[in-house]
Amino acid sequence: MIKYTDKYTDNSFDIAKCRESAESGYVPAQYQLGQCYEEGIGVERNLGENMSLILKRIRL
């Protein structure tokens, strides 16, 4: 599991590192990535992808 702890609101936030961490199963990064998809931060706004990440967290 890759831990990425920068918040999506921080200037140091890196969407690629966050995605890698989220895909490795790190739940806080999944949340951050979901927020990015919801708000269109660093990625195109995609509510479907946001919901997919939410459902993954619920299943844990």
C-alpha atoms as a PDB file:
ATOM      1  CA  MET A   1       0.000   0.000   0.000  1.00  0.00           C
ATOM      2  CA  ILE A   2       1.324   3.412  -0.984  1.00  0.00           C
ATOM      3  CA  LYS A   3       0.469   6.189   1.446  1.00  0.00           C
ATOM      4  CA  TYR A   4      -0.049   9.635  -0.040  1.00  0.00           C
ATOM      5  CA  THR A   5      -1.181  12.144   2.546  1.00  0.00           C
ATOM      6  CA  ASP A   6      -1.147  15.558   0.826  1.00  0.00           C
ATOM      7  CA  LYS A   7      -4.623  17.080   0.725  1.00  0.00           C
ATOM      8  CA  TYR A   8      -6.185  18.012  -2.606  1.00  0.00           C
ATOM      9  CA  THR A   9      -6.393  21.592  -1.322  1.00  0.00           C
ATOM     10  CA  ASP A  10      -2.606  21.819  -0.714  1.00  0.00           C
ATOM     11  CA  ASN A  11      -0.285  23.485  -3.227  1.00  0.00           C
ATOM     12  CA  SER A  12       1.948  20.394  -3.090  1.00  0.00           C
ATOM     13  CA  PHE A  13      -0.863  18.035  -4.171  1.00  0.00           C
ATOM     14  CA  ASP A  14       0.091  15.633  -7.003  1.00  0.00           C
ATOM     15  CA  ILE A  15      -2.885  13.956  -8.704  1.00  0.00           C
ATOM     16  CA  ALA A  16      -0.736  11.169 -10.205  1.00  0.00           C
ATOM     17  CA  LYS A  17       0.702  10.196  -6.811  1.00  0.00           C
ATOM     18  CA  CYS A  18      -2.742  10.381  -5.240  1.00  0.00           C
ATOM     19  CA  ARG A  19      -4.189   8.101  -7.951  1.00  0.00           C
ATOM     20  CA  GLU A  20      -1.335   5.604  -7.492  1.00  0.00           C
ATOM     21  CA  SER A  21      -1.923   5.570  -3.743  1.00  0.00           C
ATOM     22  CA  ALA A  22      -5.701   5.203  -4.173  1.00  0.00           C
ATOM     23  CA  GLU A  23      -5.244   2.310  -6.593  1.00  0.00           C
ATOM     24  CA  SER A  24      -2.964   0.590  -4.085  1.00  0.00           C
ATOM     25  CA  GLY A  25      -5.870   0.547  -1.615  1.00  0.00           C
ATOM     26  CA  TYR A  26      -5.036   3.503   0.635  1.00  0.00           C
ATOM     27  CA  VAL A  27      -8.493   4.694   1.707  1.00  0.00           C
ATOM     28  CA  PRO A  28      -7.623   8.348   2.519  1.00  0.00           C
ATOM     29  CA  ALA A  29      -6.170   8.725  -0.985  1.00  0.00           C
ATOM     30  CA  GLN A  30      -9.322   7.169  -2.456  1.00  0.00           C
ATOM     31  CA  TYR A  31     -11.318   9.856  -0.668  1.00  0.00           C
ATOM     32  CA  GLN A  32      -9.010  12.622  -1.910  1.00  0.00           C
ATOM     33  CA  LEU A  33      -9.188  11.300  -5.474  1.00  0.00           C
ATOM     34  CA  GLY A  34     -12.971  11.108  -5.248  1.00  0.00           C
ATOM     35  CA  GLN A  35     -13.063  14.744  -4.166  1.00  0.00           C
ATOM     36  CA  CYS A  36     -10.893  15.650  -7.152  1.00  0.00           C
ATOM     37  CA  TYR A  37     -13.298  13.944  -9.541  1.00  0.00           C
ATOM     38  CA  GLU A  38     -16.269  15.585  -7.846  1.00  0.00           C
ATOM     39  CA  GLU A  39     -14.785  19.074  -8.019  1.00  0.00           C
ATOM     40  CA  GLY A  40     -12.684  18.759 -11.193  1.00  0.00           C
ATOM     41  CA  ILE A  41      -9.344  19.361  -9.462  1.00  0.00           C
ATOM     42  CA  GLY A  42      -6.457  18.065 -11.578  1.00  0.00           C
ATOM     43  CA  VAL A  43      -8.853  15.858 -13.576  1.00  0.00           C
ATOM     44  CA  GLU A  44     -11.964  16.363 -15.653  1.00  0.00           C
ATOM     45  CA  ARG A  45     -15.036  16.515 -13.412  1.00  0.00           C
ATOM     46  CA  ASN A  46     -16.565  13.030 -13.412  1.00  0.00           C
ATOM     47  CA  LEU A  47     -19.299  12.216 -10.916  1.00  0.00           C
ATOM     48  CA  GLY A  48     -19.477   8.611 -12.143  1.00  0.00           C
ATOM     49  CA  GLU A  49     -15.837   8.028 -11.215  1.00  0.00           C
ATOM     50  CA  ASN A  50     -16.486   9.784  -7.932  1.00  0.00           C
ATOM     51  CA  MET A  51     -19.344   7.406  -7.138  1.00  0.00           C
ATOM     52  CA  SER A  52     -17.219   4.415  -8.120  1.00  0.00           C
ATOM     53  CA  LEU A  53     -14.581   5.437  -5.568  1.00  0.00           C
ATOM     54  CA  ILE A  54     -17.257   5.993  -2.912  1.00  0.00           C
ATOM     55  CA  LEU A  55     -18.646   2.506  -3.501  1.00  0.00           C
ATOM     56  CA  LYS A  56     -15.170   0.981  -3.201  1.00  0.00           C
ATOM     57  CA  ARG A  57     -14.740   2.659   0.203  1.00  0.00           C
ATOM     58  CA  ILE A  58     -18.154   1.415   1.371  1.00  0.00           C
ATOM     59  CA  ARG A  59     -17.246  -2.178   0.509  1.00  0.00           C
ATOM     60  CA  LEU A  60     -14.116  -2.089   2.711  1.00  0.00           C
END
